[in-house]
Amino acid sequence: MGPEEAGAKVKLATTRYEDLAEQLEAAKEHLFDAYADAARKGLGPEELADGSPFTADYIARRLRERGVGSG
């Protein structure tokens, strides 16, 4: 593999990484939107954290950013 081919592989890998990072951030925002909806229905951060990749404290903080009480 020559330098041009190596550079193209790096560019492709970088593009894929950036695309996935954007998708991950969008998925995270959708998840916190769902948490906010659930919190408005009465679920607290501790309940939301059960099975979540996030702690109850982090969920509570993000809910407050969305104007939702911490339960």
C-alpha atoms as a PDB file:
ATOM      1  CA  MET A   1       0.000   0.000   0.000  1.00  0.00           C
ATOM      2  CA  GLY A   2       1.362   3.384  -0.979  1.00  0.00           C
ATOM      3  CA  PRO A   3       1.013   6.715   0.821  1.00  0.00           C
ATOM      4  CA  GLU A   4      -1.992   7.774  -1.266  1.00  0.00           C
ATOM      5  CA  GLU A   5      -3.897   4.578  -0.476  1.00  0.00           C
ATOM      6  CA  ALA A   6      -2.976   4.863   3.200  1.00  0.00           C
ATOM      7  CA  GLY A   7      -4.168   8.465   3.250  1.00  0.00           C
ATOM      8  CA  ALA A   8      -7.469   7.457   1.623  1.00  0.00           C
ATOM      9  CA  LYS A   9      -7.971   4.748   4.254  1.00  0.00           C
ATOM     10  CA  VAL A  10      -7.325   7.242   7.033  1.00  0.00           C
ATOM     11  CA  LYS A  11      -9.794   9.698   5.476  1.00  0.00           C
ATOM     12  CA  LEU A  12     -12.460   6.994   5.146  1.00  0.00           C
ATOM     13  CA  ALA A  13     -11.914   5.802   8.716  1.00  0.00           C
ATOM     14  CA  THR A  14     -12.096   9.382   9.981  1.00  0.00           C
ATOM     15  CA  THR A  15     -15.345  10.004   8.126  1.00  0.00           C
ATOM     16  CA  ARG A  16     -16.863   6.786   9.497  1.00  0.00           C
ATOM     17  CA  TYR A  17     -15.773   7.704  13.015  1.00  0.00           C
ATOM     18  CA  GLU A  18     -17.248  11.207  12.771  1.00  0.00           C
ATOM     19  CA  ASP A  19     -20.519   9.832  11.353  1.00  0.00           C
ATOM     20  CA  LEU A  20     -20.808   7.334  14.192  1.00  0.00           C
ATOM     21  CA  ALA A  21     -19.990  10.009  16.786  1.00  0.00           C
ATOM     22  CA  GLU A  22     -22.833  12.142  15.401  1.00  0.00           C
ATOM     23  CA  GLN A  23     -25.199   9.163  15.465  1.00  0.00           C
ATOM     24  CA  LEU A  24     -24.209   8.377  19.048  1.00  0.00           C
ATOM     25  CA  GLU A  25     -24.842  11.956  20.157  1.00  0.00           C
ATOM     26  CA  ALA A  26     -28.233  11.974  18.419  1.00  0.00           C
ATOM     27  CA  ALA A  27     -29.150   8.663  20.076  1.00  0.00           C
ATOM     28  CA  LYS A  28     -28.094  10.033  23.461  1.00  0.00           C
ATOM     29  CA  GLU A  29     -30.306  13.095  22.982  1.00  0.00           C
ATOM     30  CA  HIS A  30     -33.244  10.875  22.002  1.00  0.00           C
ATOM     31  CA  LEU A  31     -32.638   8.764  25.097  1.00  0.00           C
ATOM     32  CA  PHE A  32     -32.671  11.825  27.347  1.00  0.00           C
ATOM     33  CA  ASP A  33     -35.820  13.073  25.628  1.00  0.00           C
ATOM     34  CA  ALA A  34     -37.398   9.710  26.513  1.00  0.00           C
ATOM     35  CA  TYR A  35     -36.101  10.015  30.085  1.00  0.00           C
ATOM     36  CA  ALA A  36     -37.651  13.487  30.308  1.00  0.00           C
ATOM     37  CA  ASP A  37     -41.003  12.166  29.097  1.00  0.00           C
ATOM     38  CA  ALA A  38     -40.810   9.318  31.605  1.00  0.00           C
ATOM     39  CA  ALA A  39     -39.863  11.716  34.410  1.00  0.00           C
ATOM     40  CA  ARG A  40     -42.879  13.866  33.582  1.00  0.00           C
ATOM     41  CA  LYS A  41     -44.977  10.722  34.040  1.00  0.00           C
ATOM     42  CA  GLY A  42     -43.537  10.191  37.506  1.00  0.00           C
ATOM     43  CA  LEU A  43     -40.422   8.065  37.110  1.00  0.00           C
ATOM     44  CA  GLY A  44     -37.417   9.248  39.076  1.00  0.00           C
ATOM     45  CA  PRO A  45     -33.744   9.230  38.101  1.00  0.00           C
ATOM     46  CA  GLU A  46     -33.087   6.101  40.182  1.00  0.00           C
ATOM     47  CA  GLU A  47     -35.758   4.198  38.263  1.00  0.00           C
ATOM     48  CA  LEU A  48     -34.505   5.532  34.951  1.00  0.00           C
ATOM     49  CA  ALA A  49     -30.927   4.567  35.792  1.00  0.00           C
ATOM     50  CA  ASP A  50     -31.908   0.912  36.268  1.00  0.00           C
ATOM     51  CA  GLY A  51     -30.513  -0.759  33.165  1.00  0.00           C
ATOM     52  CA  SER A  52     -29.207   2.549  31.833  1.00  0.00           C
ATOM     53  CA  PRO A  53     -25.640   3.324  30.825  1.00  0.00           C
ATOM     54  CA  PHE A  54     -25.930   6.485  32.973  1.00  0.00           C
ATOM     55  CA  THR A  55     -26.025   7.068  36.714  1.00  0.00           C
ATOM     56  CA  ALA A  56     -29.068   8.485  38.483  1.00  0.00           C
ATOM     57  CA  ASP A  57     -27.097  11.646  39.318  1.00  0.00           C
ATOM     58  CA  TYR A  58     -26.176  12.213  35.686  1.00  0.00           C
ATOM     59  CA  ILE A  59     -29.749  11.572  34.559  1.00  0.00           C
ATOM     60  CA  ALA A  60     -31.074  14.002  37.198  1.00  0.00           C
ATOM     61  CA  ARG A  61     -28.630  16.672  36.025  1.00  0.00           C
ATOM     62  CA  ARG A  62     -29.619  16.230  32.388  1.00  0.00           C
ATOM     63  CA  LEU A  63     -33.308  16.290  33.328  1.00  0.00           C
ATOM     64  CA  ARG A  64     -32.825  19.586  35.158  1.00  0.00           C
ATOM     65  CA  GLU A  65     -31.189  20.974  32.005  1.00  0.00           C
ATOM     66  CA  ARG A  66     -34.428  20.094  30.229  1.00  0.00           C
ATOM     67  CA  GLY A  67     -36.507  21.803  32.903  1.00  0.00           C
ATOM     68  CA  VAL A  68     -37.770  18.557  34.391  1.00  0.00           C
ATOM     69  CA  GLY A  69     -37.777  18.055  38.173  1.00  0.00           C
ATOM     70  CA  SER A  70     -35.494  15.383  39.543  1.00  0.00           C
ATOM     71  CA  GLY A  71     -38.338  13.260  40.823  1.00  0.00           C
END
